[in-house]
Amino acid sequence: MPALTEHKTKEKTGDAQKPQLRIKLRSYDSKVIDAACRQIVEIAARSGVAIAGPVPLPTEIRRYTVNRSTFVHKDAREQFEMRVHKRLIEIADLNQRFIDALRDLTLPTGVEIEIKTI
């Protein structure tokens, strides 16, 4: 019978990690989302924080098939699709100047932003 082994967990060192931000952007238009990413990168460059990205994430494609008529002609159908473009930006070494500039940021219409602290 094999002996049971103990799993050792790594203890965290006394170094306090600085908080990081993970910014996810979503939009139906790729040009609009690229403009929003450019604005965030410019703000990061002005405030002197380390930035990783923007990283293009896979485009989510939703396809819908509907009948052209309501009751008859089942073979006549239309197909539609929605493309959701996504970008990821990670910010390290945060400072108050960047956070204030990010609060005052006005993004183009149609861009959804999600900010998480890591």
Protein backbone atom coordinates (compact mmCIF):
# COMPACT_ATOMS: atom_id res chain seq x y z
CA MET A 1 0.00 0.00 0.00
CA PRO A 2 1.57 3.34 -1.01
CA ALA A 3 2.27 5.81 1.74
CA LEU A 4 0.31 9.04 1.85
CA THR A 5 2.35 12.09 1.01
CA GLU A 6 1.81 15.52 2.46
CA HIS A 7 1.40 18.45 0.12
CA LYS A 8 3.34 21.44 1.26
CA THR A 9 1.87 24.84 0.59
CA LYS A 10 4.12 27.71 -0.28
CA GLU A 11 4.14 30.38 2.35
CA LYS A 12 3.90 33.94 1.19
CA THR A 13 6.93 36.05 1.83
CA GLY A 14 6.69 39.29 3.75
CA ASP A 15 6.78 41.32 0.52
CA ALA A 16 3.56 43.23 0.05
CA GLN A 17 2.49 43.10 -3.57
CA LYS A 18 1.24 46.28 -5.14
CA PRO A 19 -2.32 46.08 -6.41
CA GLN A 20 -2.76 45.55 -10.12
CA LEU A 21 -5.67 46.32 -12.39
CA ARG A 22 -7.10 44.09 -15.08
CA ILE A 23 -9.18 46.06 -17.58
CA LYS A 24 -11.45 44.16 -19.98
CA LEU A 25 -13.06 46.03 -22.86
CA ARG A 26 -15.92 44.69 -25.01
CA SER A 27 -17.52 46.23 -28.09
CA TYR A 28 -19.36 45.32 -31.27
CA ASP A 29 -17.04 47.55 -33.35
CA SER A 30 -13.31 46.79 -33.51
CA LYS A 31 -12.31 50.34 -34.47
CA VAL A 32 -14.11 51.84 -31.47
CA ILE A 33 -12.54 49.39 -29.02
CA ASP A 34 -9.07 50.07 -30.44
CA ALA A 35 -9.61 53.81 -29.94
CA ALA A 36 -10.63 53.20 -26.32
CA CYS A 37 -7.52 51.04 -25.74
CA ARG A 38 -5.37 53.78 -27.23
CA GLN A 39 -6.83 56.30 -24.76
CA ILE A 40 -6.09 54.03 -21.78
CA VAL A 41 -2.52 53.38 -22.98
CA GLU A 42 -1.90 57.13 -23.39
CA ILE A 43 -3.16 57.78 -19.85
CA ALA A 44 -0.88 55.03 -18.53
CA ALA A 45 2.12 56.46 -20.38
CA ARG A 46 1.46 59.95 -18.98
CA SER A 47 1.08 58.72 -15.41
CA GLY A 48 4.13 56.42 -15.57
CA VAL A 49 2.64 53.02 -14.75
CA ALA A 50 3.72 49.70 -16.21
CA ILE A 51 1.25 48.35 -18.75
CA ALA A 52 0.80 45.01 -20.50
CA GLY A 53 -1.43 45.02 -23.53
CA PRO A 54 -3.81 45.63 -25.12
CA VAL A 55 -4.11 41.92 -25.76
CA PRO A 56 -6.81 40.97 -28.30
CA LEU A 57 -8.94 38.16 -26.89
CA PRO A 58 -10.90 35.81 -29.17
CA THR A 59 -13.86 37.43 -30.90
CA GLU A 60 -17.15 36.00 -29.71
CA ILE A 61 -19.45 35.30 -32.69
CA ARG A 62 -23.15 34.70 -32.11
CA ARG A 63 -25.08 33.43 -35.10
CA TYR A 64 -28.86 33.47 -35.43
CA THR A 65 -31.01 31.82 -38.10
CA VAL A 66 -34.63 32.94 -38.47
CA ASN A 67 -37.43 32.10 -40.87
CA ARG A 68 -38.24 34.81 -43.42
CA SER A 69 -41.94 34.22 -43.17
CA THR A 70 -43.93 33.54 -40.06
CA PHE A 71 -45.82 30.40 -40.97
CA VAL A 72 -44.91 28.84 -44.33
CA HIS A 73 -41.79 28.59 -46.54
CA LYS A 74 -39.51 26.90 -44.03
CA ASP A 75 -36.69 26.75 -46.58
CA ALA A 76 -36.52 30.54 -46.81
CA ARG A 77 -34.31 31.65 -43.92
CA GLU A 78 -32.12 34.59 -43.01
CA GLN A 79 -28.90 34.39 -41.04
CA PHE A 80 -27.50 37.11 -38.81
CA GLU A 81 -24.41 37.33 -36.65
CA MET A 82 -23.12 39.54 -33.86
CA ARG A 83 -19.39 39.88 -33.27
CA VAL A 84 -18.19 40.90 -29.82
CA HIS A 85 -14.57 42.10 -29.88
CA LYS A 86 -12.62 41.93 -26.62
CA ARG A 87 -9.35 43.44 -25.38
CA LEU A 88 -7.42 42.95 -22.13
CA ILE A 89 -5.08 45.49 -20.52
CA GLU A 90 -3.15 44.83 -17.31
CA ILE A 91 -1.76 47.69 -15.25
CA ALA A 92 1.00 47.16 -12.67
CA ASP A 93 2.56 49.64 -10.22
CA LEU A 94 -0.58 51.68 -9.76
CA ASN A 95 -0.45 55.26 -8.59
CA GLN A 96 -3.14 57.74 -7.61
CA ARG A 97 -2.54 59.88 -10.70
CA PHE A 98 -3.51 57.00 -13.01
CA ILE A 99 -6.62 56.13 -10.98
CA ASP A 100 -7.83 59.75 -11.07
CA ALA A 101 -7.23 59.96 -14.82
CA LEU A 102 -9.08 56.66 -15.33
CA ARG A 103 -12.10 57.99 -13.44
CA ASP A 104 -12.26 61.06 -15.69
CA LEU A 105 -11.97 58.96 -18.86
CA THR A 106 -14.87 59.21 -21.31
CA LEU A 107 -15.03 56.14 -23.50
CA PRO A 108 -16.71 56.08 -26.92
CA THR A 109 -20.32 54.94 -27.07
CA GLY A 110 -20.67 51.19 -27.37
CA VAL A 111 -17.64 50.20 -25.29
CA GLU A 112 -18.23 48.19 -22.13
CA ILE A 113 -15.44 48.29 -19.54
CA GLU A 114 -14.83 45.96 -16.61
CA ILE A 115 -12.09 46.78 -14.09
CA LYS A 116 -10.84 44.23 -11.57
CA THR A 117 -8.23 44.55 -8.85
CA ILE A 118 -5.85 41.61 -8.76
